[in-house]
Protein backbone atom coordinates (compact mmCIF):
# COMPACT_ATOMS: atom_id res chain seq x y z
CA MET A 1 -186.15 -123.53 16.91
CA THR A 2 -184.48 -120.32 15.73
CA ALA A 3 -186.45 -117.75 13.77
CA ALA A 4 -184.40 -118.54 10.65
CA ARG A 5 -185.06 -122.28 10.95
CA ALA A 6 -188.75 -121.66 11.54
CA ALA A 7 -188.97 -119.44 8.47
CA ALA A 8 -187.13 -122.01 6.36
CA ALA A 9 -189.44 -124.79 7.56
CA ALA A 10 -192.51 -122.68 6.78
CA ALA A 11 -191.20 -121.85 3.32
CA ALA A 12 -190.54 -125.53 2.60
CA LEU A 13 -194.06 -126.42 3.71
CA VAL A 14 -195.58 -123.77 1.46
CA LEU A 15 -193.73 -125.30 -1.50
CA GLN A 16 -195.05 -128.74 -0.52
CA LEU A 17 -198.58 -127.37 -0.28
CA ALA A 18 -198.30 -125.70 -3.66
CA ALA A 19 -197.07 -128.95 -5.22
CA ALA A 20 -199.92 -130.89 -3.61
CA CYS A 21 -202.53 -128.44 -4.84
CA VAL A 22 -201.52 -128.72 -8.52
CA GLN A 23 -201.63 -132.51 -8.50
CA ALA A 24 -205.04 -133.66 -9.69
CA ASP A 25 -206.65 -136.35 -7.58
CA PRO A 26 -206.48 -139.66 -9.51
CA LEU A 27 -210.07 -140.28 -10.60
CA GLY A 28 -209.36 -143.36 -12.68
CA PRO A 29 -211.66 -144.36 -15.54
CA ALA A 30 -214.70 -142.26 -16.26
CA ALA A 31 -217.05 -144.93 -14.93
CA ALA A 32 -215.23 -145.09 -11.62
CA ALA A 33 -215.32 -141.29 -11.37
CA ALA A 34 -219.05 -141.24 -12.06
CA ALA A 35 -219.65 -143.95 -9.46
CA LEU A 36 -217.69 -141.99 -6.86
CA ASP A 37 -219.59 -138.79 -7.66
CA ALA A 38 -222.86 -140.69 -7.24
CA LEU A 39 -221.71 -142.11 -3.89
CA VAL A 40 -220.75 -138.67 -2.60
CA ALA A 41 -224.08 -137.28 -3.79
CA ARG A 42 -225.90 -139.93 -1.77
CA VAL A 43 -223.76 -139.19 1.29
CA VAL A 44 -224.56 -135.47 1.34
CA ALA A 45 -228.23 -135.98 0.49
CA ASP A 46 -229.13 -137.49 3.87
CA LEU A 47 -227.26 -137.05 7.17
CA PRO A 48 -229.03 -139.45 9.53
CA GLU A 49 -229.50 -139.49 13.28
CA PRO A 50 -227.99 -142.46 15.19
CA ILE A 51 -231.37 -144.22 15.02
CA VAL A 52 -233.56 -143.95 11.91
CA SER A 53 -237.01 -145.25 11.12
CA GLN A 54 -239.65 -144.97 8.43
CA LEU A 55 -240.68 -141.70 10.11
CA SER A 56 -237.24 -140.08 9.98
CA SER A 57 -236.91 -136.91 7.94
CA ARG A 58 -234.01 -136.32 5.60
CA GLN A 59 -231.54 -133.49 6.10
CA THR A 60 -228.89 -132.64 3.54
CA LEU A 61 -225.34 -131.61 4.36
CA ALA A 62 -226.08 -128.08 3.15
CA GLN A 63 -229.14 -127.83 5.41
CA ARG A 64 -227.21 -129.16 8.38
CA MET A 65 -224.31 -126.75 7.79
CA LEU A 66 -226.75 -123.84 7.73
CA ALA A 67 -228.62 -125.00 10.84
CA ASP A 68 -225.44 -125.65 12.84
CA GLN A 69 -223.67 -122.53 11.51
CA VAL A 70 -220.72 -124.48 10.15
CA PRO A 71 -219.11 -122.64 7.22
CA ALA A 72 -216.92 -125.47 5.88
CA VAL A 73 -216.67 -129.26 6.06
CA SER A 74 -213.74 -131.34 4.83
CA VAL A 75 -213.70 -135.14 4.80
CA ALA A 76 -211.37 -137.99 3.81
CA VAL A 77 -212.30 -141.65 3.52
CA PHE A 78 -209.78 -144.49 3.70
CA ARG A 79 -210.22 -148.16 2.84
CA ASP A 80 -207.71 -150.88 3.72
CA GLY A 81 -205.04 -148.34 4.61
CA GLN A 82 -205.33 -146.23 1.45
CA LEU A 83 -207.04 -142.91 0.73
CA ALA A 84 -210.24 -143.64 -1.23
CA TRP A 85 -211.61 -140.12 -1.66
CA ALA A 86 -211.63 -136.63 -0.19
CA ARG A 87 -214.04 -133.73 -0.57
CA ALA A 88 -214.66 -130.29 0.94
CA TRP A 89 -217.70 -128.01 0.98
CA GLY A 90 -218.33 -124.43 2.04
CA GLN A 91 -216.16 -121.48 2.96
CA ALA A 92 -212.81 -121.59 4.72
CA ASP A 93 -213.52 -118.04 5.90
CA VAL A 94 -216.89 -116.33 5.81
CA ASP A 95 -215.43 -112.83 5.73
CA SER A 96 -213.40 -113.38 2.56
CA GLY A 97 -215.64 -116.04 1.05
CA VAL A 98 -212.64 -118.23 0.20
CA ALA A 99 -213.80 -121.75 -0.62
CA ALA A 100 -212.54 -124.72 1.38
CA THR A 101 -210.75 -127.48 -0.55
CA PRO A 102 -209.40 -130.89 0.50
CA HIS A 103 -206.03 -129.12 0.91
CA THR A 104 -207.29 -126.50 3.38
CA LEU A 105 -205.65 -126.84 6.80
CA PHE A 106 -207.82 -127.16 9.92
CA GLN A 107 -206.94 -127.41 13.59
CA ALA A 108 -206.98 -131.06 14.69
CA ALA A 109 -207.49 -129.91 18.30
CA SER A 110 -207.41 -132.95 20.61
CA ILE A 111 -206.77 -135.36 17.74
CA SER A 112 -203.25 -133.98 18.13
CA LYS A 113 -203.01 -136.36 21.10
CA PRO A 114 -203.02 -139.71 19.26
CA VAL A 115 -200.58 -138.27 16.71
CA ALA A 116 -198.28 -137.29 19.58
CA ALA A 117 -198.81 -140.74 21.10
CA LEU A 118 -197.54 -142.33 17.89
CA GLY A 119 -194.46 -140.12 18.16
CA ALA A 120 -193.95 -141.24 21.77
CA MET A 121 -194.17 -144.87 20.69
CA ARG A 122 -191.43 -144.22 18.15
CA LEU A 123 -189.21 -143.06 21.01
CA VAL A 124 -190.12 -146.24 22.89
CA ASP A 125 -189.20 -148.27 19.81
CA GLN A 126 -185.84 -146.47 19.72
CA GLY A 127 -185.18 -147.16 23.40
CA LYS A 128 -185.33 -143.48 24.38
CA LEU A 129 -188.48 -143.91 26.46
CA ALA A 130 -189.98 -146.82 28.40
CA LEU A 131 -193.72 -147.28 28.80
CA ASP A 132 -193.66 -148.19 32.48
CA ALA A 133 -190.66 -146.31 33.90
CA ASP A 134 -191.26 -143.47 36.37
CA ILE A 135 -191.01 -140.13 34.54
CA GLY A 136 -192.43 -138.01 37.37
CA GLN A 137 -189.07 -136.41 38.15
CA SER A 138 -187.76 -136.23 34.59
CA ILE A 139 -188.69 -132.68 33.59
CA SER A 140 -186.47 -129.91 34.88
CA GLY A 141 -188.58 -127.21 36.51
CA TRP A 142 -191.67 -129.39 37.04
CA GLN A 143 -192.38 -132.44 39.17
CA ALA A 144 -195.37 -134.74 39.24
CA GLY A 145 -195.28 -135.31 42.98
CA ALA A 146 -195.67 -139.07 42.51
CA ALA A 147 -194.48 -141.85 40.25
CA ILE A 148 -196.21 -141.67 36.87
CA SER A 149 -195.45 -143.54 33.67
CA LEU A 150 -195.57 -142.85 29.96
CA ARG A 151 -198.30 -145.48 29.66
CA GLN A 152 -200.42 -143.48 32.11
CA LEU A 153 -199.82 -140.21 30.26
CA LEU A 154 -200.85 -141.73 26.93
CA SER A 155 -203.98 -143.44 28.30
CA HIS A 156 -205.19 -140.53 30.49
CA SER A 157 -204.73 -142.57 33.66
CA SER A 158 -201.99 -140.40 35.21
CA ALA A 159 -204.47 -138.48 37.43
CA LEU A 160 -202.95 -135.19 36.23
CA GLY A 161 -205.34 -132.25 35.96
CA VAL A 162 -206.23 -129.60 33.33
CA PRO A 163 -208.54 -131.46 30.95
CA ALA A 164 -208.38 -128.88 28.14
CA PHE A 165 -206.84 -125.59 27.01
CA GLN A 166 -208.62 -122.56 25.58
CA GLY A 167 -205.68 -121.31 23.50
CA TYR A 168 -204.45 -117.76 22.96
CA ALA A 169 -206.06 -115.19 20.68
CA ALA A 170 -204.04 -113.19 18.18
CA GLY A 171 -201.75 -110.69 19.90
CA GLN A 172 -201.66 -112.48 23.23
CA PRO A 173 -198.24 -113.57 24.52
CA LEU A 174 -197.62 -117.30 24.39
CA PRO A 175 -196.27 -119.13 27.44
CA THR A 176 -193.46 -121.65 27.38
CA VAL A 177 -194.20 -125.29 28.07
CA LEU A 178 -192.87 -124.90 31.63
CA GLN A 179 -195.11 -121.89 32.22
CA VAL A 180 -198.08 -123.97 31.09
CA LEU A 181 -197.10 -126.86 33.35
CA ASN A 182 -196.66 -124.57 36.34
CA GLY A 183 -199.63 -122.31 35.58
CA THR A 184 -197.52 -119.14 35.62
CA ALA A 185 -198.05 -116.01 33.50
CA PRO A 186 -198.75 -115.63 30.68
CA ALA A 187 -200.36 -119.11 30.84
CA ASN A 188 -204.16 -118.86 31.04
CA SER A 189 -204.62 -122.35 32.51
CA ALA A 190 -204.10 -123.85 35.96
CA ALA A 191 -200.92 -125.65 36.96
CA VAL A 192 -200.75 -129.29 35.94
CA ARG A 193 -200.92 -131.15 39.25
CA LEU A 194 -202.04 -134.54 40.50
CA GLN A 195 -205.76 -134.79 41.20
CA GLY A 196 -205.70 -138.35 42.52
CA GLN A 197 -203.76 -141.61 42.50
CA PRO A 198 -202.02 -142.43 39.19
CA GLY A 199 -203.11 -145.62 37.49
CA GLN A 200 -206.51 -145.86 39.16
CA GLY A 201 -208.74 -145.01 36.21
CA LEU A 202 -209.59 -142.55 33.48
CA SER A 203 -209.03 -138.82 34.03
CA TYR A 204 -208.83 -137.00 30.70
CA SER A 205 -205.86 -134.65 30.81
CA GLY A 206 -204.57 -132.22 28.23
CA GLY A 207 -202.11 -131.31 30.97
CA GLY A 208 -200.75 -134.83 30.90
CA TYR A 209 -200.10 -134.52 27.18
CA THR A 210 -198.26 -131.25 27.79
CA VAL A 211 -196.04 -133.18 30.21
CA LEU A 212 -195.60 -135.65 27.35
CA GLN A 213 -194.58 -132.81 25.03
CA ALA A 214 -191.83 -131.69 27.41
CA LEU A 215 -190.69 -135.26 27.99
CA MET A 216 -190.49 -136.08 24.28
CA ALA A 217 -188.49 -132.93 23.52
CA GLN A 218 -186.05 -133.84 26.27
CA ARG A 219 -185.56 -137.44 25.14
CA ALA A 220 -185.47 -136.59 21.42
CA GLY A 221 -182.91 -133.85 22.02
CA GLN A 222 -184.79 -131.30 19.91
CA PRO A 223 -188.04 -129.31 20.01
CA PHE A 224 -191.17 -131.43 19.99
CA GLU A 225 -192.49 -129.95 16.73
CA VAL A 226 -189.18 -130.47 14.91
CA TRP A 227 -188.87 -134.09 15.99
CA MET A 228 -192.52 -134.87 15.18
CA GLN A 229 -192.08 -133.44 11.70
CA ALA A 230 -189.05 -135.60 10.99
CA ALA A 231 -190.07 -138.77 12.84
CA VAL A 232 -193.83 -138.99 12.21
CA LEU A 233 -195.36 -136.47 9.80
CA GLN A 234 -192.81 -136.70 6.98
CA PRO A 235 -192.50 -140.53 7.03
CA LEU A 236 -196.29 -140.89 6.89
CA GLY A 237 -196.52 -138.49 3.94
CA MET A 238 -198.36 -135.87 6.00
CA LEU A 239 -196.62 -133.19 3.97
CA ALA A 240 -199.23 -130.47 4.55
CA SER A 241 -199.27 -130.91 8.34
CA GLY A 242 -197.31 -129.47 11.23
CA PHE A 243 -197.40 -128.40 14.85
CA PHE A 244 -197.31 -124.74 13.82
CA GLN A 245 -197.93 -122.57 16.89
CA PRO A 246 -198.07 -119.71 16.27
CA LEU A 247 -198.94 -120.10 12.62
CA PRO A 248 -196.25 -118.72 10.24
CA ALA A 249 -197.53 -115.85 8.11
CA ALA A 250 -196.68 -117.77 4.93
CA LEU A 251 -199.30 -120.41 5.78
CA VAL A 252 -202.16 -118.04 6.56
CA PRO A 253 -203.69 -118.30 3.02
CA SER A 254 -203.79 -122.11 3.37
CA VAL A 255 -205.79 -122.40 6.60
CA ALA A 256 -209.43 -122.24 7.59
CA SER A 257 -210.62 -119.66 10.08
CA GLY A 258 -212.40 -120.82 13.20
CA HIS A 259 -216.03 -119.77 13.57
CA ARG A 260 -218.47 -119.46 16.43
CA LEU A 261 -222.19 -119.00 15.68
CA GLY A 262 -221.35 -118.43 12.04
CA GLN A 263 -218.86 -115.62 12.68
CA ALA A 264 -215.05 -115.81 12.56
CA ILE A 265 -213.56 -115.80 16.06
CA PRO A 266 -211.33 -112.83 16.98
CA GLY A 267 -208.02 -113.18 15.17
CA LYS A 268 -209.47 -116.03 13.03
CA TYR A 269 -207.90 -118.80 15.19
CA ASN A 270 -206.24 -119.28 18.54
CA SER A 271 -202.67 -120.44 19.05
CA HIS A 272 -201.94 -123.52 21.17
CA PRO A 273 -198.41 -123.81 22.57
CA GLU A 274 -199.74 -127.03 24.14
CA LEU A 275 -198.69 -128.76 20.93
CA ALA A 276 -199.13 -132.43 21.87
CA ALA A 277 -202.55 -131.72 23.38
CA ALA A 278 -204.07 -129.44 20.74
CA GLY A 279 -201.53 -127.89 18.37
CA LEU A 280 -201.66 -129.80 15.06
CA TRP A 281 -202.72 -128.09 11.82
CA THR A 282 -203.62 -130.68 9.18
CA THR A 283 -206.06 -131.89 6.52
CA PRO A 284 -208.38 -134.91 6.74
CA SER A 285 -206.35 -136.67 4.03
CA ASP A 286 -203.17 -136.22 6.07
CA LEU A 287 -204.69 -137.01 9.45
CA GLY A 288 -206.24 -140.23 8.20
CA ARG A 289 -202.76 -141.54 7.42
CA VAL A 290 -202.20 -142.04 11.15
CA ALA A 291 -205.18 -144.40 11.38
CA ALA A 292 -204.20 -146.07 8.11
CA GLU A 293 -200.69 -146.72 9.42
CA LEU A 294 -202.03 -148.58 12.44
CA GLN A 295 -204.52 -150.50 10.29
CA ASN A 296 -201.73 -151.52 7.92
CA ALA A 297 -199.63 -152.68 10.87
CA ILE A 298 -202.34 -154.86 12.42
CA ALA A 299 -203.28 -156.28 9.00
CA GLY A 300 -199.70 -157.19 8.15
CA ARG A 301 -199.44 -154.78 5.22
CA PRO A 302 -196.30 -152.68 4.60
CA THR A 303 -195.93 -149.71 6.96
CA ARG A 304 -193.74 -146.62 7.09
CA LEU A 305 -192.95 -146.36 10.79
CA ALA A 306 -195.25 -148.51 12.92
CA ASN A 307 -194.84 -152.21 13.55
CA ALA A 308 -197.41 -154.78 14.62
CA ASP A 309 -196.36 -154.69 18.29
CA MET A 310 -196.55 -150.88 18.40
CA ALA A 311 -200.03 -150.91 16.87
CA ARG A 312 -201.19 -153.69 19.19
CA GLN A 313 -200.04 -151.80 22.27
CA MET A 314 -201.67 -148.55 21.16
CA LEU A 315 -204.98 -150.35 20.54
CA THR A 316 -205.02 -152.42 23.75
CA PRO A 317 -207.32 -151.15 26.54
CA GLN A 318 -205.50 -149.64 29.52
CA PRO A 319 -206.84 -148.83 33.01
CA GLY A 320 -209.87 -146.65 32.36
CA GLY A 321 -210.57 -148.28 29.01
CA ARG A 322 -208.61 -146.09 26.60
CA GLY A 323 -205.77 -147.16 24.37
CA LEU A 324 -202.45 -145.35 24.11
CA GLY A 325 -203.69 -142.17 22.45
CA PHE A 326 -207.02 -143.39 21.06
CA VAL A 327 -210.49 -144.05 22.42
CA LEU A 328 -211.33 -147.74 21.90
CA ASP A 329 -214.78 -149.20 21.36
CA LYS A 330 -216.60 -152.19 19.93
CA ARG A 331 -219.75 -151.80 17.85
CA ALA A 332 -221.65 -154.39 15.85
CA GLY A 333 -219.03 -156.89 16.99
CA GLU A 334 -216.20 -154.90 15.42
CA PRO A 335 -213.37 -153.26 17.36
CA GLY A 336 -212.60 -149.67 16.52
CA PHE A 337 -210.52 -146.70 17.54
CA GLN A 338 -211.35 -143.03 17.37
CA HIS A 339 -210.83 -139.53 18.73
CA THR A 340 -212.60 -136.19 18.57
CA GLY A 341 -211.25 -132.66 18.79
CA LEU A 342 -212.66 -129.28 19.79
CA ASN A 343 -210.70 -126.02 19.74
CA ALA A 344 -212.10 -122.50 19.65
CA GLY A 345 -213.85 -122.29 16.29
CA PHE A 346 -212.99 -125.84 15.14
CA ALA A 347 -214.24 -129.41 15.59
CA ALA A 348 -212.97 -132.71 14.20
CA LEU A 349 -213.39 -136.45 14.46
CA LEU A 350 -211.48 -139.53 13.36
CA ALA A 351 -213.03 -142.99 13.41
CA ALA A 352 -211.41 -146.22 12.22
CA SER A 353 -212.12 -149.93 12.28
CA GLY A 354 -209.62 -151.97 14.27
CA ASN A 355 -210.20 -155.42 12.81
CA ALA A 356 -207.16 -157.28 11.52
CA VAL A 357 -209.08 -159.03 8.72
CA GLY A 358 -211.87 -157.96 6.41
CA PRO A 359 -212.53 -154.46 5.09
CA GLN A 360 -210.90 -151.70 7.12
CA HIS A 361 -212.45 -148.25 7.05
CA ALA A 362 -211.31 -144.89 8.39
CA VAL A 363 -213.06 -141.52 8.12
CA VAL A 364 -211.83 -138.07 9.15
CA VAL A 365 -214.17 -135.08 9.27
CA MET A 366 -212.92 -131.56 10.04
CA VAL A 367 -215.08 -128.42 10.31
CA ASN A 368 -214.47 -124.76 11.05
CA GLY A 369 -217.57 -124.30 13.19
CA GLU A 370 -217.37 -124.73 16.96
CA ALA A 371 -220.76 -126.45 17.18
CA GLY A 372 -219.95 -128.84 14.34
CA THR A 373 -219.36 -132.09 16.25
CA PRO A 374 -222.94 -133.46 15.80
CA LEU A 375 -222.78 -132.58 12.09
CA ALA A 376 -219.44 -134.41 11.76
CA GLN A 377 -220.92 -137.46 13.51
CA ALA A 378 -223.94 -137.42 11.20
CA LEU A 379 -221.69 -137.19 8.13
CA LEU A 380 -219.68 -140.15 9.45
CA ARG A 381 -222.91 -142.17 9.78
CA SER A 382 -223.96 -141.32 6.23
CA ILE A 383 -220.57 -142.36 4.86
CA ALA A 384 -220.62 -145.57 6.92
CA ARG A 385 -224.06 -146.44 5.58
CA GLU A 386 -222.78 -146.16 2.01
CA LEU A 387 -219.67 -148.20 2.83
CA GLY A 388 -221.60 -150.95 4.61
CA TRP A 389 -219.61 -150.16 7.76
CA ALA A 390 -222.06 -151.47 10.35
CA ALA A 391 -220.08 -150.26 13.36
CA GLN A 392 -220.63 -146.60 12.44
CA ALA A 393 -223.82 -146.75 10.37
CA PRO A 394 -227.15 -145.61 11.84
CA ARG A 395 -229.40 -148.21 13.46
CA GLN A 396 -232.55 -148.90 11.46
CA VAL A 397 -235.73 -149.54 13.48
CA GLN A 398 -239.47 -149.73 12.86
CA ALA A 399 -241.20 -146.92 14.73
CA LEU A 400 -244.70 -147.21 16.19
CA PRO A 401 -246.20 -143.69 16.09
CA GLN A 402 -247.82 -142.51 19.33
CA PRO A 403 -250.54 -139.91 19.89
CA LEU A 404 -249.28 -136.47 20.83
CA GLN A 405 -250.96 -136.67 24.23
CA THR A 406 -249.07 -139.89 25.00
CA LEU A 407 -245.77 -138.24 24.16
CA ALA A 408 -246.74 -135.14 26.15
CA ARG A 409 -247.08 -137.26 29.29
CA LEU A 410 -243.39 -138.15 29.01
CA GLU A 411 -242.21 -134.56 29.26
CA GLY A 412 -240.24 -133.70 32.38
CA LEU A 413 -236.99 -134.10 34.29
CA TYR A 414 -235.65 -137.57 35.08
CA ARG A 415 -232.98 -139.04 37.30
CA ALA A 416 -231.26 -142.31 36.42
CA ASP A 417 -229.91 -144.09 39.48
CA ASP A 418 -227.23 -146.51 38.36
CA PRO A 419 -225.26 -147.82 41.37
CA GLY A 420 -223.51 -150.38 39.19
CA ALA A 421 -221.84 -147.63 37.18
CA GLY A 422 -219.93 -146.46 40.24
CA ARG A 423 -221.17 -142.88 39.90
CA ALA A 424 -221.29 -140.72 43.01
CA ASP A 425 -224.23 -138.71 41.67
CA PRO A 426 -227.24 -139.89 39.66
CA ARG A 427 -227.43 -138.83 36.04
CA ALA A 428 -230.13 -136.33 35.16
CA PHE A 429 -231.80 -135.75 31.82
CA ALA A 430 -234.96 -134.25 30.36
CA ILE A 431 -237.58 -135.34 27.84
CA GLU A 432 -239.32 -132.58 25.91
CA LEU A 433 -241.51 -132.22 22.84
CA SER A 434 -240.40 -130.25 19.81
CA GLY A 435 -242.33 -130.26 16.56
CA GLY A 436 -244.44 -133.14 17.80
CA VAL A 437 -241.38 -135.31 18.42
CA ALA A 438 -240.07 -136.36 21.85
CA HIS A 439 -236.45 -135.42 22.43
CA LEU A 440 -233.93 -136.30 25.12
CA ARG A 441 -231.57 -133.66 26.50
CA ASP A 442 -228.55 -134.77 28.49
CA GLY A 443 -228.23 -131.73 30.75
CA GLY A 444 -225.77 -130.05 28.41
CA TRP A 445 -226.21 -128.93 24.82
CA GLN A 446 -226.64 -132.43 23.36
CA ARG A 447 -230.17 -133.13 22.13
CA ALA A 448 -231.52 -136.17 20.26
CA PRO A 449 -234.95 -137.32 19.03
CA LEU A 450 -236.53 -140.37 20.65
CA VAL A 451 -238.08 -143.05 18.43
CA PRO A 452 -241.19 -144.81 19.86
CA LEU A 453 -240.89 -148.58 19.42
CA SER A 454 -244.05 -149.52 21.32
CA ALA A 455 -246.79 -148.02 23.44
């Protein structure tokens, strides 16, 4: 894209953002507005753990934001393919004190991947790509070294390396896509190369989605970000969103700054030339339209670009268990699809029900705090509890309190041998007491309370 075209596109987006901001959200009758306000008040009053009992303590959204050092939270809730409500809390930037709104742009991070996957499926629908053809030799200046397919790229079963990218701070030179793929300066990541046999299982790869980015640009005949804007974002009504890397100066007032430990990261946010893997700027209300489009397709409702076959293929498990772009799961007997994202200073999640009949829910939570994933998950559980969405709601159990000395005997390091899981090494975890409550730690930074159900 030329500098003039980029400037024109940025200017057009700013006008769209301005128009969106002056349109009042339709609240409907006063009674409906009051009911919605009451629902939101209940949501933020108690962010539950995955398992709750009569002994569980309550923690508000404000308390959790303070504890996890997350300056701002933005959320959108969809029902049956339509936006139901959106809210935002906190500060988009702690240095300026600017408040976050539902129109504030956040980095989607890895949730860029399923959006890119939808764009790839549009090219399949147009006959410009085939899901199972060999694309390993298709990109000039880079070769896979083996036959790989679009299906494998989309489902993380290509065996290509480089799981994630750290991005580039303000002032750092940005590499081209080929420099990223080959790991040459100024790229700060390793070359994208095969780490095993394609098609043999799950191997999460941001590098594979950067291959996808180059492939899509080649087959579309225009830059990835330009084609995605015209073929996916605009048709879905994602008018505030774009693969803006680096961010145009005109959009700076509209975006949240990334934060680490409560402080803005250097330069406020990193740039990600790995657009398909991590480069989307968006809002929860916009991002949820991707999930809503697939829900509308599988439910037989009118859609803007997806058809039932496209949605079915994207939500069908592939080798390794993922769909084409999304993580698939089944909870409380209900299929679902989801994805999370984590860039420097930002975290996000999208969760949606995948049932073809009955109520369909989708929730998007975006935060500008790097440690905000557990908070986003807790907010999702609180919303699901209010919606009656059993698949994402917390599990309610009856706890049987134990004496402190009984819990103290559980403290220590544990190894879980699980030959059936096909793991080369046993999993290790720890149990420790904190505040008189037993907690499990998974060996990383994840930590969760244990609920005693019996002696």
